[in-house]
C-alpha atoms as a PDB file:
ATOM      1  CA  UNK A   1     221.261 109.950  25.692  1.00  0.00           C
ATOM      2  CA  UNK A   2     224.732 108.713  26.236  1.00  0.00           C
ATOM      3  CA  UNK A   3     226.498 107.719  29.451  1.00  0.00           C
ATOM      4  CA  UNK A   4     225.908 108.530  32.166  1.00  0.00           C
ATOM      5  CA  UNK A   5     222.340 107.327  31.853  1.00  0.00           C
ATOM      6  CA  UNK A   6     219.690 109.787  32.977  1.00  0.00           C
ATOM      7  CA  UNK A   7     217.088 108.899  35.535  1.00  0.00           C
ATOM      8  CA  UNK A   8     213.606 108.184  34.080  1.00  0.00           C
ATOM      9  CA  UNK A   9     214.912 107.885  30.510  1.00  0.00           C
ATOM     10  CA  UNK A  10     214.501 104.445  28.982  1.00  0.00           C
ATOM     11  CA  UNK A  11     215.968 103.142  25.732  1.00  0.00           C
ATOM     12  CA  UNK A  12     213.136 104.333  23.481  1.00  0.00           C
ATOM     13  CA  UNK A  13     213.114 107.849  24.950  1.00  0.00           C
ATOM     14  CA  UNK A  14     216.910 107.970  24.795  1.00  0.00           C
ATOM     15  CA  UNK A  15     216.789 107.035  21.109  1.00  0.00           C
ATOM     16  CA  UNK A  16     214.252 109.791  20.395  1.00  0.00           C
ATOM     17  CA  UNK A  17     216.413 112.323  22.216  1.00  0.00           C
ATOM     18  CA  UNK A  18     219.524 111.262  20.307  1.00  0.00           C
ATOM     19  CA  UNK A  19     217.647 111.579  17.029  1.00  0.00           C
ATOM     20  CA  UNK A  20     216.761 115.197  17.804  1.00  0.00           C
ATOM     21  CA  UNK A  21     220.353 116.021  18.766  1.00  0.00           C
ATOM     22  CA  UNK A  22     220.130 115.757  22.545  1.00  0.00           C
ATOM     23  CA  UNK A  23     222.933 113.429  23.568  1.00  0.00           C
ATOM     24  CA  UNK A  24     223.848 114.486  27.098  1.00  0.00           C
ATOM     25  CA  UNK A  25     222.416 115.905  30.287  1.00  0.00           C
ATOM     26  CA  UNK A  26     223.977 119.236  29.316  1.00  0.00           C
ATOM     27  CA  UNK A  27     222.120 119.195  25.980  1.00  0.00           C
ATOM     28  CA  UNK A  28     218.872 118.471  27.819  1.00  0.00           C
ATOM     29  CA  UNK A  29     219.519 121.200  30.392  1.00  0.00           C
ATOM     30  CA  UNK A  30     220.238 123.715  27.624  1.00  0.00           C
ATOM     31  CA  UNK A  31     216.795 123.310  26.027  1.00  0.00           C
ATOM     32  CA  UNK A  32     214.853 122.283  29.126  1.00  0.00           C
ATOM     33  CA  UNK A  33     212.280 119.553  29.530  1.00  0.00           C
ATOM     34  CA  UNK A  34     209.608 121.344  27.511  1.00  0.00           C
ATOM     35  CA  UNK A  35     212.036 122.279  24.729  1.00  0.00           C
ATOM     36  CA  UNK A  36     213.215 118.675  24.460  1.00  0.00           C
ATOM     37  CA  UNK A  37     209.625 117.406  24.445  1.00  0.00           C
ATOM     38  CA  UNK A  38     208.718 119.843  21.662  1.00  0.00           C
ATOM     39  CA  UNK A  39     211.756 118.728  19.628  1.00  0.00           C
ATOM     40  CA  UNK A  40     210.670 115.100  19.945  1.00  0.00           C
ATOM     41  CA  UNK A  41     207.096 115.963  18.909  1.00  0.00           C
ATOM     42  CA  UNK A  42     208.285 118.069  15.959  1.00  0.00           C
ATOM     43  CA  UNK A  43     210.462 115.179  14.797  1.00  0.00           C
ATOM     44  CA  UNK A  44     207.278 113.169  14.285  1.00  0.00           C
ATOM     45  CA  UNK A  45     207.443 110.907  17.311  1.00  0.00           C
ATOM     46  CA  UNK A  46     204.337 110.487  19.444  1.00  0.00           C
ATOM     47  CA  UNK A  47     205.416 110.691  23.076  1.00  0.00           C
ATOM     48  CA  UNK A  48     202.938 110.857  25.918  1.00  0.00           C
ATOM     49  CA  UNK A  49     203.071 113.517  28.601  1.00  0.00           C
ATOM     50  CA  UNK A  50     204.933 110.991  30.724  1.00  0.00           C
ATOM     51  CA  UNK A  51     208.031 111.786  28.636  1.00  0.00           C
ATOM     52  CA  UNK A  52     207.644 115.461  29.506  1.00  0.00           C
ATOM     53  CA  UNK A  53     207.425 114.617  33.202  1.00  0.00           C
ATOM     54  CA  UNK A  54     210.336 112.173  32.889  1.00  0.00           C
ATOM     55  CA  UNK A  55     212.532 114.820  31.294  1.00  0.00           C
ATOM     56  CA  UNK A  56     211.766 117.262  34.086  1.00  0.00           C
ATOM     57  CA  UNK A  57     212.441 114.553  36.665  1.00  0.00           C
ATOM     58  CA  UNK A  58     215.755 113.764  34.958  1.00  0.00           C
ATOM     59  CA  UNK A  59     216.778 117.410  35.228  1.00  0.00           C
ATOM     60  CA  UNK A  60     215.714 117.557  38.886  1.00  0.00           C
ATOM     61  CA  UNK A  61     217.182 114.095  39.617  1.00  0.00           C
ATOM     62  CA  UNK A  62     213.908 112.729  40.963  1.00  0.00           C
ATOM     63  CA  UNK A  63     211.420 110.116  39.838  1.00  0.00           C
ATOM     64  CA  UNK A  64     208.891 111.642  37.454  1.00  0.00           C
ATOM     65  CA  UNK A  65     205.996 110.559  39.693  1.00  0.00           C
ATOM     66  CA  UNK A  66     207.427 112.706  42.494  1.00  0.00           C
ATOM     67  CA  UNK A  67     206.663 115.892  40.551  1.00  0.00           C
ATOM     68  CA  UNK A  68     203.920 117.859  42.238  1.00  0.00           C
ATOM     69  CA  UNK A  69     200.663 118.272  40.352  1.00  0.00           C
ATOM     70  CA  UNK A  70     201.359 122.014  40.117  1.00  0.00           C
ATOM     71  CA  UNK A  71     204.724 121.283  38.438  1.00  0.00           C
ATOM     72  CA  UNK A  72     203.062 118.958  35.935  1.00  0.00           C
ATOM     73  CA  UNK A  73     200.381 121.512  35.142  1.00  0.00           C
ATOM     74  CA  UNK A  74     203.020 124.208  34.656  1.00  0.00           C
ATOM     75  CA  UNK A  75     204.935 121.961  32.247  1.00  0.00           C
ATOM     76  CA  UNK A  76     201.790 121.264  30.223  1.00  0.00           C
ATOM     77  CA  UNK A  77     200.886 124.979  30.129  1.00  0.00           C
ATOM     78  CA  UNK A  78     204.393 125.827  28.914  1.00  0.00           C
ATOM     79  CA  UNK A  79     204.184 123.122  26.240  1.00  0.00           C
ATOM     80  CA  UNK A  80     200.742 124.286  25.086  1.00  0.00           C
ATOM     81  CA  UNK A  81     201.919 127.909  24.927  1.00  0.00           C
ATOM     82  CA  UNK A  82     204.910 126.954  22.764  1.00  0.00           C
ATOM     83  CA  UNK A  83     202.742 124.897  20.420  1.00  0.00           C
ATOM     84  CA  UNK A  84     200.162 127.702  20.205  1.00  0.00           C
ATOM     85  CA  UNK A  85     202.923 130.146  19.239  1.00  0.00           C
ATOM     86  CA  UNK A  86     204.403 127.748  16.651  1.00  0.00           C
ATOM     87  CA  UNK A  87     201.902 124.977  15.817  1.00  0.00           C
ATOM     88  CA  UNK A  88     203.058 121.514  14.872  1.00  0.00           C
ATOM     89  CA  UNK A  89     202.707 120.807  11.185  1.00  0.00           C
ATOM     90  CA  UNK A  90     199.964 118.380  10.347  1.00  0.00           C
ATOM     91  CA  UNK A  91     201.258 115.092   9.077  1.00  0.00           C
ATOM     92  CA  UNK A  92     200.768 114.660   5.369  1.00  0.00           C
ATOM     93  CA  UNK A  93     199.483 111.526   3.723  1.00  0.00           C
ATOM     94  CA  UNK A  94     201.657 108.442   4.065  1.00  0.00           C
ATOM     95  CA  UNK A  95     202.019 108.394   0.300  1.00  0.00           C
ATOM     96  CA  UNK A  96     200.504 110.251  -2.574  1.00  0.00           C
ATOM     97  CA  UNK A  97     198.562 108.858  -5.483  1.00  0.00           C
ATOM     98  CA  UNK A  98     200.487 106.633  -7.843  1.00  0.00           C
ATOM     99  CA  UNK A  99     200.585 107.690 -11.483  1.00  0.00           C
ATOM    100  CA  UNK A 100     202.071 105.421 -14.085  1.00  0.00           C
ATOM    101  CA  UNK A 101     203.317 106.634 -17.407  1.00  0.00           C
ATOM    102  CA  UNK A 102     204.962 104.379 -19.939  1.00  0.00           C
ATOM    103  CA  UNK A 103     207.451 105.414 -22.549  1.00  0.00           C
ATOM    104  CA  UNK A 104     208.181 103.070 -25.421  1.00  0.00           C
ATOM    105  CA  UNK A 105     211.364 103.342 -27.473  1.00  0.00           C
ATOM    106  CA  UNK A 106     209.423 103.287 -30.751  1.00  0.00           C
ATOM    107  CA  UNK A 107     206.555 105.694 -30.132  1.00  0.00           C
ATOM    108  CA  UNK A 108     204.253 105.186 -33.107  1.00  0.00           C
ATOM    109  CA  UNK A 109     201.405 107.197 -31.661  1.00  0.00           C
ATOM    110  CA  UNK A 110     199.478 104.188 -30.434  1.00  0.00           C
ATOM    111  CA  UNK A 111     198.660 104.031 -26.791  1.00  0.00           C
ATOM    112  CA  UNK A 112     199.575 100.683 -25.315  1.00  0.00           C
ATOM    113  CA  UNK A 113     198.325 100.412 -21.769  1.00  0.00           C
ATOM    114  CA  UNK A 114     198.351  97.501 -19.391  1.00  0.00           C
ATOM    115  CA  UNK A 115     194.571  97.555 -19.179  1.00  0.00           C
ATOM    116  CA  UNK A 116     194.186  97.195 -22.964  1.00  0.00           C
ATOM    117  CA  UNK A 117     196.647  94.316 -23.217  1.00  0.00           C
ATOM    118  CA  UNK A 118     195.061  92.574 -20.241  1.00  0.00           C
ATOM    119  CA  UNK A 119     191.630  92.703 -21.951  1.00  0.00           C
ATOM    120  CA  UNK A 120     193.026  90.964 -25.022  1.00  0.00           C
ATOM    121  CA  UNK A 121     193.960  87.804 -23.114  1.00  0.00           C
END
């Protein structure tokens, strides 16, 4: 988020919001607390529900702990409904298997692998 700073939004949360294209209070208000939270989750970040409550508190200009339990439950239900309608993609592996293939300039049909040359030493 950019200036003016929003209530409840610290530097890490602000950076996440900027990275998903939410740079002002107006941007946040346009998508709502749940929409912003979903965007952050879909971007691959791992926020806790406290971010969801903080976003709602920022929109209502109150501390996130002042939200009534019923408000919190409604936010979570809304989030769960959106995710059920459009599930988050499962994260793939950090990296795939590594395959090495060597190409020699003078290919004479012999296979020259690292393992074979290492055995000769």
